[in-house]
Amino acid sequence: MTTQTPTEKMTLPIKGMYCAACIIHVSHALEDVEGVETANVNLATEKATMTLEHAVDLGHLTYALEDAGYGITTQAVTLGLGGVASAESAKQIETAIHSFEGVTSIEVDLS
């Protein structure tokens, strides 16, 4: 009897791809990361969709892509939050938001 392991999917926006050869380079870079089963890269949408054997650290994927000459497209978002008055509250917010997939950094400004 064979036990199937559940798999997860993750999609990342990729920057720095310009040709068909880039698809192969990005696929190989991602598939070399421990836990990535497959990586399907689309040049037109500039995205890579991966099937994961288990949770994979975003930092490992970023490093693999940068080492191959590519990157993950990032976006800065500013949120206005009311009622945050203490460093303890700020830390709780940072911890909660940092747990979301795709968040690479967070900073709460109390000023």
PDB file of N, CA and C in Angstrom:
ATOM      1  N   MET A   1       0.846  -1.177   0.000  1.00  0.00           N
ATOM      2  CA  MET A   1       0.000   0.000   0.000  1.00  0.00           C
ATOM      3  C   MET A   1       0.894   1.243   0.000  1.00  0.00           C
ATOM      4  N   THR A   2       0.624   2.170  -0.898  1.00  0.00           N
ATOM      5  CA  THR A   2       1.412   3.389  -1.020  1.00  0.00           C
ATOM      6  C   THR A   2       0.672   4.549  -0.377  1.00  0.00           C
ATOM      7  N   THR A   3       1.387   5.308   0.428  1.00  0.00           N
ATOM      8  CA  THR A   3       0.795   6.484   1.066  1.00  0.00           C
ATOM      9  C   THR A   3       1.163   7.712   0.248  1.00  0.00           C
ATOM     10  N   GLN A   4       0.173   8.493  -0.123  1.00  0.00           N
ATOM     11  CA  GLN A   4       0.402   9.731  -0.869  1.00  0.00           C
ATOM     12  C   GLN A   4       0.687  10.859   0.117  1.00  0.00           C
ATOM     13  N   THR A   5       1.701  11.633  -0.173  1.00  0.00           N
ATOM     14  CA  THR A   5       2.016  12.804   0.643  1.00  0.00           C
ATOM     15  C   THR A   5       1.285  14.006   0.061  1.00  0.00           C
ATOM     16  N   PRO A   6       0.632  14.790   0.917  1.00  0.00           N
ATOM     17  CA  PRO A   6      -0.037  15.977   0.386  1.00  0.00           C
ATOM     18  C   PRO A   6       0.982  16.957  -0.191  1.00  0.00           C
ATOM     19  N   THR A   7       0.602  17.624  -1.271  1.00  0.00           N
ATOM     20  CA  THR A   7       1.494  18.604  -1.881  1.00  0.00           C
ATOM     21  C   THR A   7       0.844  19.977  -1.822  1.00  0.00           C
ATOM     22  N   GLU A   8       1.683  20.979  -1.841  1.00  0.00           N
ATOM     23  CA  GLU A   8       1.222  22.363  -1.857  1.00  0.00           C
ATOM     24  C   GLU A   8       1.655  22.997  -3.163  1.00  0.00           C
ATOM     25  N   LYS A   9       0.974  24.058  -3.542  1.00  0.00           N
ATOM     26  CA  LYS A   9       1.379  24.836  -4.715  1.00  0.00           C
ATOM     27  C   LYS A   9       1.738  26.237  -4.249  1.00  0.00           C
ATOM     28  N   MET A  10       2.729  26.811  -4.915  1.00  0.00           N
ATOM     29  CA  MET A  10       3.139  28.183  -4.631  1.00  0.00           C
ATOM     30  C   MET A  10       3.455  28.856  -5.960  1.00  0.00           C
ATOM     31  N   THR A  11       2.982  30.082  -6.124  1.00  0.00           N
ATOM     32  CA  THR A  11       3.273  30.850  -7.334  1.00  0.00           C
ATOM     33  C   THR A  11       4.037  32.108  -6.946  1.00  0.00           C
ATOM     34  N   LEU A  12       5.119  32.363  -7.685  1.00  0.00           N
ATOM     35  CA  LEU A  12       5.939  33.544  -7.431  1.00  0.00           C
ATOM     36  C   LEU A  12       6.084  34.372  -8.697  1.00  0.00           C
ATOM     37  N   PRO A  13       6.033  35.699  -8.573  1.00  0.00           N
ATOM     38  CA  PRO A  13       6.341  36.564  -9.720  1.00  0.00           C
ATOM     39  C   PRO A  13       7.860  36.636  -9.886  1.00  0.00           C
ATOM     40  N   ILE A  14       8.342  36.368 -11.088  1.00  0.00           N
ATOM     41  CA  ILE A  14       9.781  36.313 -11.357  1.00  0.00           C
ATOM     42  C   ILE A  14      10.193  37.525 -12.185  1.00  0.00           C
ATOM     43  N   LYS A  15      11.325  38.141 -11.822  1.00  0.00           N
ATOM     44  CA  LYS A  15      11.839  39.250 -12.629  1.00  0.00           C
ATOM     45  C   LYS A  15      13.171  38.847 -13.253  1.00  0.00           C
ATOM     46  N   GLY A  16      13.406  39.410 -14.441  1.00  0.00           N
ATOM     47  CA  GLY A  16      14.672  39.170 -15.118  1.00  0.00           C
ATOM     48  C   GLY A  16      14.626  38.135 -16.222  1.00  0.00           C
ATOM     49  N   MET A  17      13.426  37.638 -16.559  1.00  0.00           N
ATOM     50  CA  MET A  17      13.311  36.658 -17.646  1.00  0.00           C
ATOM     51  C   MET A  17      13.025  37.387 -18.956  1.00  0.00           C
ATOM     52  N   TYR A  18      13.794  37.026 -20.010  1.00  0.00           N
ATOM     53  CA  TYR A  18      13.632  37.701 -21.294  1.00  0.00           C
ATOM     54  C   TYR A  18      13.493  36.755 -22.477  1.00  0.00           C
ATOM     55  N   CYS A  19      13.777  35.468 -22.295  1.00  0.00           N
ATOM     56  CA  CYS A  19      13.769  34.553 -23.439  1.00  0.00           C
ATOM     57  C   CYS A  19      13.397  33.144 -22.988  1.00  0.00           C
ATOM     58  N   ALA A  20      13.242  32.263 -23.951  1.00  0.00           N
ATOM     59  CA  ALA A  20      12.860  30.883 -23.659  1.00  0.00           C
ATOM     60  C   ALA A  20      13.904  30.168 -22.803  1.00  0.00           C
ATOM     61  N   ALA A  21      15.176  30.502 -23.002  1.00  0.00           N
ATOM     62  CA  ALA A  21      16.228  29.873 -22.195  1.00  0.00           C
ATOM     63  C   ALA A  21      16.080  30.230 -20.715  1.00  0.00           C
ATOM     64  N   CYS A  22      15.535  31.410 -20.446  1.00  0.00           N
ATOM     65  CA  CYS A  22      15.324  31.834 -19.058  1.00  0.00           C
ATOM     66  C   CYS A  22      14.364  30.884 -18.341  1.00  0.00           C
ATOM     67  N   ILE A  23      13.382  30.394 -19.066  1.00  0.00           N
ATOM     68  CA  ILE A  23      12.409  29.469 -18.481  1.00  0.00           C
ATOM     69  C   ILE A  23      13.128  28.244 -17.932  1.00  0.00           C
ATOM     70  N   ILE A  24      14.044  27.708 -18.715  1.00  0.00           N
ATOM     71  CA  ILE A  24      14.794  26.522 -18.301  1.00  0.00           C
ATOM     72  C   ILE A  24      15.679  26.842 -17.097  1.00  0.00           C
ATOM     73  N   HIS A  25      16.372  27.979 -17.137  1.00  0.00           N
ATOM     74  CA  HIS A  25      17.252  28.358 -16.024  1.00  0.00           C
ATOM     75  C   HIS A  25      16.469  28.531 -14.727  1.00  0.00           C
ATOM     76  N   VAL A  26      15.339  29.223 -14.807  1.00  0.00           N
ATOM     77  CA  VAL A  26      14.525  29.458 -13.613  1.00  0.00           C
ATOM     78  C   VAL A  26      13.960  28.139 -13.097  1.00  0.00           C
ATOM     79  N   SER A  27      13.450  27.297 -13.992  1.00  0.00           N
ATOM     80  CA  SER A  27      12.906  25.990 -13.581  1.00  0.00           C
ATOM     81  C   SER A  27      13.951  25.173 -12.841  1.00  0.00           C
ATOM     82  N   HIS A  28      15.146  25.075 -13.417  1.00  0.00           N
ATOM     83  CA  HIS A  28      16.207  24.291 -12.782  1.00  0.00           C
ATOM     84  C   HIS A  28      16.622  24.883 -11.439  1.00  0.00           C
ATOM     85  N   ALA A  29      16.728  26.204 -11.373  1.00  0.00           N
ATOM     86  CA  ALA A  29      17.116  26.852 -10.112  1.00  0.00           C
ATOM     87  C   ALA A  29      16.110  26.537  -9.011  1.00  0.00           C
ATOM     88  N   LEU A  30      14.822  26.616  -9.329  1.00  0.00           N
ATOM     89  CA  LEU A  30      13.789  26.352  -8.331  1.00  0.00           C
ATOM     90  C   LEU A  30      13.710  24.874  -7.977  1.00  0.00           C
ATOM     91  N   GLU A  31      13.817  24.002  -8.977  1.00  0.00           N
ATOM     92  CA  GLU A  31      13.717  22.562  -8.720  1.00  0.00           C
ATOM     93  C   GLU A  31      14.914  22.027  -7.940  1.00  0.00           C
ATOM     94  N   ASP A  32      16.006  22.774  -7.909  1.00  0.00           N
ATOM     95  CA  ASP A  32      17.166  22.374  -7.113  1.00  0.00           C
ATOM     96  C   ASP A  32      16.995  22.682  -5.623  1.00  0.00           C
ATOM     97  N   VAL A  33      15.957  23.441  -5.282  1.00  0.00           N
ATOM     98  CA  VAL A  33      15.701  23.776  -3.878  1.00  0.00           C
ATOM     99  C   VAL A  33      15.013  22.585  -3.212  1.00  0.00           C
ATOM    100  N   GLU A  34      15.515  22.195  -2.048  1.00  0.00           N
ATOM    101  CA  GLU A  34      14.941  21.094  -1.276  1.00  0.00           C
ATOM    102  C   GLU A  34      13.452  21.346  -1.033  1.00  0.00           C
ATOM    103  N   GLY A  35      12.629  20.392  -1.411  1.00  0.00           N
ATOM    104  CA  GLY A  35      11.191  20.491  -1.201  1.00  0.00           C
ATOM    105  C   GLY A  35      10.398  20.881  -2.432  1.00  0.00           C
ATOM    106  N   VAL A  36      11.062  21.405  -3.464  1.00  0.00           N
ATOM    107  CA  VAL A  36      10.365  21.766  -4.700  1.00  0.00           C
ATOM    108  C   VAL A  36      10.335  20.536  -5.598  1.00  0.00           C
ATOM    109  N   GLU A  37       9.131  20.057  -5.873  1.00  0.00           N
ATOM    110  CA  GLU A  37       8.956  18.876  -6.719  1.00  0.00           C
ATOM    111  C   GLU A  37       9.035  19.256  -8.195  1.00  0.00           C
ATOM    112  N   THR A  38       8.230  20.242  -8.596  1.00  0.00           N
ATOM    113  CA  THR A  38       8.245  20.717  -9.981  1.00  0.00           C
ATOM    114  C   THR A  38       8.111  22.233  -9.994  1.00  0.00           C
ATOM    115  N   ALA A  39       8.614  22.840 -11.068  1.00  0.00           N
ATOM    116  CA  ALA A  39       8.468  24.287 -11.256  1.00  0.00           C
ATOM    117  C   ALA A  39       8.067  24.528 -12.703  1.00  0.00           C
ATOM    118  N   ASN A  40       6.887  25.075 -12.896  1.00  0.00           N
ATOM    119  CA  ASN A  40       6.403  25.436 -14.229  1.00  0.00           C
ATOM    120  C   ASN A  40       6.506  26.946 -14.371  1.00  0.00           C
ATOM    121  N   VAL A  41       7.309  27.381 -15.329  1.00  0.00           N
ATOM    122  CA  VAL A  41       7.601  28.802 -15.497  1.00  0.00           C
ATOM    123  C   VAL A  41       6.933  29.308 -16.766  1.00  0.00           C
ATOM    124  N   ASN A  42       6.265  30.467 -16.653  1.00  0.00           N
ATOM    125  CA  ASN A  42       5.574  31.069 -17.781  1.00  0.00           C
ATOM    126  C   ASN A  42       6.217  32.422 -18.078  1.00  0.00           C
ATOM    127  N   LEU A  43       6.835  32.530 -19.242  1.00  0.00           N
ATOM    128  CA  LEU A  43       7.517  33.769 -19.625  1.00  0.00           C
ATOM    129  C   LEU A  43       6.516  34.912 -19.819  1.00  0.00           C
ATOM    130  N   ALA A  44       5.357  34.621 -20.414  1.00  0.00           N
ATOM    131  CA  ALA A  44       4.363  35.659 -20.708  1.00  0.00           C
ATOM    132  C   ALA A  44       3.814  36.306 -19.439  1.00  0.00           C
ATOM    133  N   THR A  45       3.555  35.497 -18.412  1.00  0.00           N
ATOM    134  CA  THR A  45       3.012  36.043 -17.160  1.00  0.00           C
ATOM    135  C   THR A  45       4.108  36.386 -16.155  1.00  0.00           C
ATOM    136  N   GLU A  46       5.342  35.979 -16.470  1.00  0.00           N
ATOM    137  CA  GLU A  46       6.489  36.181 -15.584  1.00  0.00           C
ATOM    138  C   GLU A  46       6.244  35.584 -14.206  1.00  0.00           C
ATOM    139  N   LYS A  47       5.714  34.347 -14.198  1.00  0.00           N
ATOM    140  CA  LYS A  47       5.424  33.661 -12.942  1.00  0.00           C
ATOM    141  C   LYS A  47       5.931  32.230 -12.988  1.00  0.00           C
ATOM    142  N   ALA A  48       6.261  31.728 -11.813  1.00  0.00           N
ATOM    143  CA  ALA A  48       6.646  30.327 -11.653  1.00  0.00           C
ATOM    144  C   ALA A  48       5.685  29.699 -10.655  1.00  0.00           C
ATOM    145  N   THR A  49       5.060  28.598 -11.053  1.00  0.00           N
ATOM    146  CA  THR A  49       4.175  27.864 -10.161  1.00  0.00           C
ATOM    147  C   THR A  49       4.867  26.561  -9.801  1.00  0.00           C
ATOM    148  N   MET A  50       5.035  26.352  -8.510  1.00  0.00           N
ATOM    149  CA  MET A  50       5.751  25.179  -8.035  1.00  0.00           C
ATOM    150  C   MET A  50       4.838  24.233  -7.285  1.00  0.00           C
ATOM    151  N   THR A  51       5.106  22.947  -7.438  1.00  0.00           N
ATOM    152  CA  THR A  51       4.494  21.923  -6.616  1.00  0.00           C
ATOM    153  C   THR A  51       5.526  21.586  -5.554  1.00  0.00           C
ATOM    154  N   LEU A  52       5.128  21.694  -4.296  1.00  0.00           N
ATOM    155  CA  LEU A  52       6.053  21.498  -3.185  1.00  0.00           C
ATOM    156  C   LEU A  52       5.758  20.190  -2.467  1.00  0.00           C
ATOM    157  N   GLU A  53       6.813  19.474  -2.101  1.00  0.00           N
ATOM    158  CA  GLU A  53       6.669  18.254  -1.312  1.00  0.00           C
ATOM    159  C   GLU A  53       6.339  18.599   0.134  1.00  0.00           C
ATOM    160  N   HIS A  54       6.822  19.740   0.591  1.00  0.00           N
ATOM    161  CA  HIS A  54       6.577  20.246   1.939  1.00  0.00           C
ATOM    162  C   HIS A  54       6.825  21.753   1.918  1.00  0.00           C
ATOM    163  N   ALA A  55       6.569  22.402   3.020  1.00  0.00           N
ATOM    164  CA  ALA A  55       6.769  23.852   3.086  1.00  0.00           C
ATOM    165  C   ALA A  55       8.218  24.201   2.756  1.00  0.00           C
ATOM    166  N   VAL A  56       8.398  25.242   1.966  1.00  0.00           N
ATOM    167  CA  VAL A  56       9.724  25.685   1.547  1.00  0.00           C
ATOM    168  C   VAL A  56       9.896  27.139   1.971  1.00  0.00           C
ATOM    169  N   ASP A  57      11.047  27.439   2.527  1.00  0.00           N
ATOM    170  CA  ASP A  57      11.352  28.794   2.970  1.00  0.00           C
ATOM    171  C   ASP A  57      11.500  29.720   1.761  1.00  0.00           C
ATOM    172  N   LEU A  58      10.808  30.839   1.786  1.00  0.00           N
ATOM    173  CA  LEU A  58      10.872  31.805   0.691  1.00  0.00           C
ATOM    174  C   LEU A  58      12.298  32.317   0.488  1.00  0.00           C
ATOM    175  N   GLY A  59      13.055  32.408   1.556  1.00  0.00           N
ATOM    176  CA  GLY A  59      14.440  32.846   1.458  1.00  0.00           C
ATOM    177  C   GLY A  59      15.294  31.906   0.621  1.00  0.00           C
ATOM    178  N   HIS A  60      15.034  30.599   0.725  1.00  0.00           N
ATOM    179  CA  HIS A  60      15.782  29.622  -0.075  1.00  0.00           C
ATOM    180  C   HIS A  60      15.459  29.777  -1.554  1.00  0.00           C
ATOM    181  N   LEU A  61      14.192  30.028  -1.856  1.00  0.00           N
ATOM    182  CA  LEU A  61      13.791  30.226  -3.253  1.00  0.00           C
ATOM    183  C   LEU A  61      14.407  31.509  -3.804  1.00  0.00           C
ATOM    184  N   THR A  62      14.368  32.563  -3.003  1.00  0.00           N
ATOM    185  CA  THR A  62      14.946  33.843  -3.417  1.00  0.00           C
ATOM    186  C   THR A  62      16.437  33.698  -3.691  1.00  0.00           C
ATOM    187  N   TYR A  63      17.136  33.019  -2.793  1.00  0.00           N
ATOM    188  CA  TYR A  63      18.578  32.825  -2.964  1.00  0.00           C
ATOM    189  C   TYR A  63      18.870  32.035  -4.238  1.00  0.00           C
ATOM    190  N   ALA A  64      18.109  30.963  -4.483  1.00  0.00           N
ATOM    191  CA  ALA A  64      18.323  30.135  -5.678  1.00  0.00           C
ATOM    192  C   ALA A  64      18.115  30.951  -6.946  1.00  0.00           C
ATOM    193  N   LEU A  65      17.081  31.779  -6.955  1.00  0.00           N
ATOM    194  CA  LEU A  65      16.814  32.615  -8.128  1.00  0.00           C
ATOM    195  C   LEU A  65      17.903  33.664  -8.322  1.00  0.00           C
ATOM    196  N   GLU A  66      18.297  34.323  -7.244  1.00  0.00           N
ATOM    197  CA  GLU A  66      19.340  35.348  -7.350  1.00  0.00           C
ATOM    198  C   GLU A  66      20.666  34.741  -7.790  1.00  0.00           C
ATOM    199  N   ASP A  67      20.961  33.542  -7.306  1.00  0.00           N
ATOM    200  CA  ASP A  67      22.190  32.856  -7.694  1.00  0.00           C
ATOM    201  C   ASP A  67      22.188  32.527  -9.191  1.00  0.00           C
ATOM    202  N   ALA A  68      20.990  32.328  -9.759  1.00  0.00           N
ATOM    203  CA  ALA A  68      20.859  32.027 -11.190  1.00  0.00           C
ATOM    204  C   ALA A  68      20.724  33.300 -12.031  1.00  0.00           C
ATOM    205  N   GLY A  69      20.684  34.473 -11.377  1.00  0.00           N
ATOM    206  CA  GLY A  69      20.607  35.734 -12.110  1.00  0.00           C
ATOM    207  C   GLY A  69      19.212  36.306 -12.257  1.00  0.00           C
ATOM    208  N   TYR A  70      18.275  35.829 -11.467  1.00  0.00           N
ATOM    209  CA  TYR A  70      16.884  36.290 -11.534  1.00  0.00           C
ATOM    210  C   TYR A  70      16.455  36.778 -10.156  1.00  0.00           C
ATOM    211  N   GLY A  71      15.203  37.128 -10.020  1.00  0.00           N
ATOM    212  CA  GLY A  71      14.709  37.585  -8.730  1.00  0.00           C
ATOM    213  C   GLY A  71      13.216  37.400  -8.611  1.00  0.00           C
ATOM    214  N   ILE A  72      12.725  37.696  -7.437  1.00  0.00           N
ATOM    215  CA  ILE A  72      11.289  37.681  -7.181  1.00  0.00           C
ATOM    216  C   ILE A  72      10.829  39.130  -7.200  1.00  0.00           C
ATOM    217  N   THR A  73       9.781  39.400  -7.959  1.00  0.00           N
ATOM    218  CA  THR A  73       9.227  40.747  -8.007  1.00  0.00           C
ATOM    219  C   THR A  73       8.592  41.047  -6.659  1.00  0.00           C
ATOM    220  N   THR A  74       9.004  42.157  -6.058  1.00  0.00           N
ATOM    221  CA  THR A  74       8.454  42.538  -4.761  1.00  0.00           C
ATOM    222  C   THR A  74       7.661  43.826  -4.896  1.00  0.00           C
ATOM    223  N   GLN A  75       6.852  44.079  -3.898  1.00  0.00           N
ATOM    224  CA  GLN A  75       6.011  45.259  -3.915  1.00  0.00           C
ATOM    225  C   GLN A  75       5.934  45.802  -2.501  1.00  0.00           C
ATOM    226  N   ALA A  76       6.067  47.097  -2.359  1.00  0.00           N
ATOM    227  CA  ALA A  76       5.938  47.738  -1.051  1.00  0.00           C
ATOM    228  C   ALA A  76       4.483  48.137  -0.840  1.00  0.00           C
ATOM    229  N   VAL A  77       3.983  47.867   0.355  1.00  0.00           N
ATOM    230  CA  VAL A  77       2.609  48.207   0.699  1.00  0.00           C
ATOM    231  C   VAL A  77       2.636  48.981   2.011  1.00  0.00           C
ATOM    232  N   THR A  78       1.925  50.083   2.061  1.00  0.00           N
ATOM    233  CA  THR A  78       1.817  50.868   3.283  1.00  0.00           C
ATOM    234  C   THR A  78       0.381  50.781   3.777  1.00  0.00           C
ATOM    235  N   LEU A  79       0.231  50.380   5.033  1.00  0.00           N
ATOM    236  CA  LEU A  79      -1.091  50.264   5.642  1.00  0.00           C
ATOM    237  C   LEU A  79      -1.213  51.274   6.768  1.00  0.00           C
ATOM    238  N   GLY A  80      -2.357  51.915   6.870  1.00  0.00           N
ATOM    239  CA  GLY A  80      -2.621  52.823   7.976  1.00  0.00           C
ATOM    240  C   GLY A  80      -3.384  52.075   9.057  1.00  0.00           C
ATOM    241  N   LEU A  81      -2.812  52.008  10.246  1.00  0.00           N
ATOM    242  CA  LEU A  81      -3.455  51.311  11.359  1.00  0.00           C
ATOM    243  C   LEU A  81      -3.670  52.286  12.502  1.00  0.00           C
ATOM    244  N   GLY A  82      -4.853  52.277  13.060  1.00  0.00           N
ATOM    245  CA  GLY A  82      -5.136  53.128  14.206  1.00  0.00           C
ATOM    246  C   GLY A  82      -5.061  52.340  15.496  1.00  0.00           C
ATOM    247  N   GLY A  83      -4.795  53.022  16.591  1.00  0.00           N
ATOM    248  CA  GLY A  83      -4.828  52.395  17.901  1.00  0.00           C
ATOM    249  C   GLY A  83      -3.580  51.638  18.307  1.00  0.00           C
ATOM    250  N   VAL A  84      -2.509  51.773  17.560  1.00  0.00           N
ATOM    251  CA  VAL A  84      -1.258  51.103  17.927  1.00  0.00           C
ATOM    252  C   VAL A  84      -0.443  52.099  18.746  1.00  0.00           C
ATOM    253  N   ALA A  85      -0.351  51.844  20.054  1.00  0.00           N
ATOM    254  CA  ALA A  85       0.273  52.835  20.923  1.00  0.00           C
ATOM    255  C   ALA A  85       1.515  52.329  21.643  1.00  0.00           C
ATOM    256  N   SER A  86       1.778  51.048  21.593  1.00  0.00           N
ATOM    257  CA  SER A  86       2.918  50.530  22.354  1.00  0.00           C
ATOM    258  C   SER A  86       3.819  49.670  21.482  1.00  0.00           C
ATOM    259  N   ALA A  87       5.051  49.526  21.939  1.00  0.00           N
ATOM    260  CA  ALA A  87       6.008  48.672  21.233  1.00  0.00           C
ATOM    261  C   ALA A  87       5.535  47.220  21.244  1.00  0.00           C
ATOM    262  N   GLU A  88       4.868  46.819  22.316  1.00  0.00           N
ATOM    263  CA  GLU A  88       4.352  45.450  22.411  1.00  0.00           C
ATOM    264  C   GLU A  88       3.283  45.201  21.342  1.00  0.00           C
ATOM    265  N   SER A  89       2.370  46.152  21.165  1.00  0.00           N
ATOM    266  CA  SER A  89       1.346  46.031  20.120  1.00  0.00           C
ATOM    267  C   SER A  89       1.979  45.999  18.739  1.00  0.00           C
ATOM    268  N   ALA A  90       2.978  46.841  18.530  1.00  0.00           N
ATOM    269  CA  ALA A  90       3.673  46.886  17.239  1.00  0.00           C
ATOM    270  C   ALA A  90       4.321  45.543  16.943  1.00  0.00           C
ATOM    271  N   LYS A  91       4.948  44.937  17.958  1.00  0.00           N
ATOM    272  CA  LYS A  91       5.607  43.638  17.781  1.00  0.00           C
ATOM    273  C   LYS A  91       4.581  42.556  17.435  1.00  0.00           C
ATOM    274  N   GLN A  92       3.415  42.581  18.077  1.00  0.00           N
ATOM    275  CA  GLN A  92       2.358  41.603  17.784  1.00  0.00           C
ATOM    276  C   GLN A  92       1.877  41.745  16.342  1.00  0.00           C
ATOM    277  N   ILE A  93       1.729  42.979  15.882  1.00  0.00           N
ATOM    278  CA  ILE A  93       1.300  43.227  14.502  1.00  0.00           C
ATOM    279  C   ILE A  93       2.362  42.739  13.527  1.00  0.00           C
ATOM    280  N   GLU A  94       3.623  43.061  13.808  1.00  0.00           N
ATOM    281  CA  GLU A  94       4.717  42.613  12.937  1.00  0.00           C
ATOM    282  C   GLU A  94       4.750  41.093  12.839  1.00  0.00           C
ATOM    283  N   THR A  95       4.607  40.413  13.965  1.00  0.00           N
ATOM    284  CA  THR A  95       4.626  38.949  13.981  1.00  0.00           C
ATOM    285  C   THR A  95       3.465  38.379  13.180  1.00  0.00           C
ATOM    286  N   ALA A  96       2.277  38.942  13.360  1.00  0.00           N
ATOM    287  CA  ALA A  96       1.099  38.438  12.652  1.00  0.00           C
ATOM    288  C   ALA A  96       1.218  38.634  11.144  1.00  0.00           C
ATOM    289  N   ILE A  97       1.615  39.815  10.713  1.00  0.00           N
ATOM    290  CA  ILE A  97       1.695  40.097   9.272  1.00  0.00           C
ATOM    291  C   ILE A  97       2.853  39.342   8.633  1.00  0.00           C
ATOM    292  N   HIS A  98       3.953  39.195   9.347  1.00  0.00           N
ATOM    293  CA  HIS A  98       5.108  38.481   8.792  1.00  0.00           C
ATOM    294  C   HIS A  98       4.792  37.010   8.528  1.00  0.00           C
ATOM    295  N   SER A  99       3.770  36.468   9.205  1.00  0.00           N
ATOM    296  CA  SER A  99       3.411  35.056   9.018  1.00  0.00           C
ATOM    297  C   SER A  99       2.673  34.807   7.703  1.00  0.00           C
ATOM    298  N   PHE A 100       2.203  35.861   7.037  1.00  0.00           N
ATOM    299  CA  PHE A 100       1.509  35.693   5.756  1.00  0.00           C
ATOM    300  C   PHE A 100       2.494  35.296   4.665  1.00  0.00           C
ATOM    301  N   GLU A 101       2.063  34.377   3.798  1.00  0.00           N
ATOM    302  CA  GLU A 101       2.907  33.946   2.685  1.00  0.00           C
ATOM    303  C   GLU A 101       3.237  35.131   1.788  1.00  0.00           C
ATOM    304  N   GLY A 102       4.502  35.259   1.460  1.00  0.00           N
ATOM    305  CA  GLY A 102       4.932  36.312   0.553  1.00  0.00           C
ATOM    306  C   GLY A 102       5.452  37.556   1.234  1.00  0.00           C
ATOM    307  N   VAL A 103       5.200  37.713   2.521  1.00  0.00           N
ATOM    308  CA  VAL A 103       5.700  38.886   3.238  1.00  0.00           C
ATOM    309  C   VAL A 103       7.166  38.646   3.573  1.00  0.00           C
ATOM    310  N   THR A 104       8.023  39.521   3.083  1.00  0.00           N
ATOM    311  CA  THR A 104       9.457  39.358   3.329  1.00  0.00           C
ATOM    312  C   THR A 104       9.962  40.258   4.441  1.00  0.00           C
ATOM    313  N   SER A 105       9.292  41.375   4.668  1.00  0.00           N
ATOM    314  CA  SER A 105       9.685  42.238   5.784  1.00  0.00           C
ATOM    315  C   SER A 105       8.501  43.107   6.180  1.00  0.00           C
ATOM    316  N   ILE A 106       8.520  43.536   7.433  1.00  0.00           N
ATOM    317  CA  ILE A 106       7.457  44.387   7.962  1.00  0.00           C
ATOM    318  C   ILE A 106       8.060  45.330   8.992  1.00  0.00           C
ATOM    319  N   GLU A 107       7.562  46.541   9.006  1.00  0.00           N
ATOM    320  CA  GLU A 107       8.014  47.517   9.995  1.00  0.00           C
ATOM    321  C   GLU A 107       6.813  48.334  10.428  1.00  0.00           C
ATOM    322  N   VAL A 108       6.589  48.401  11.741  1.00  0.00           N
ATOM    323  CA  VAL A 108       5.512  49.216  12.289  1.00  0.00           C
ATOM    324  C   VAL A 108       6.144  50.487  12.845  1.00  0.00           C
ATOM    325  N   ASP A 109       5.659  51.623  12.367  1.00  0.00           N
ATOM    326  CA  ASP A 109       6.167  52.932  12.785  1.00  0.00           C
ATOM    327  C   ASP A 109       5.166  53.532  13.760  1.00  0.00           C
ATOM    328  N   LEU A 110       5.584  53.739  14.988  1.00  0.00           N
ATOM    329  CA  LEU A 110       4.689  54.271  16.017  1.00  0.00           C
ATOM    330  C   LEU A 110       4.557  55.789  15.991  1.00  0.00           C
ATOM    331  N   SER A 111       5.286  56.466  15.121  1.00  0.00           N
ATOM    332  CA  SER A 111       5.211  57.935  15.105  1.00  0.00           C
ATOM    333  C   SER A 111       3.968  58.433  14.412  1.00  0.00           C
TER     334      SER A 111
END
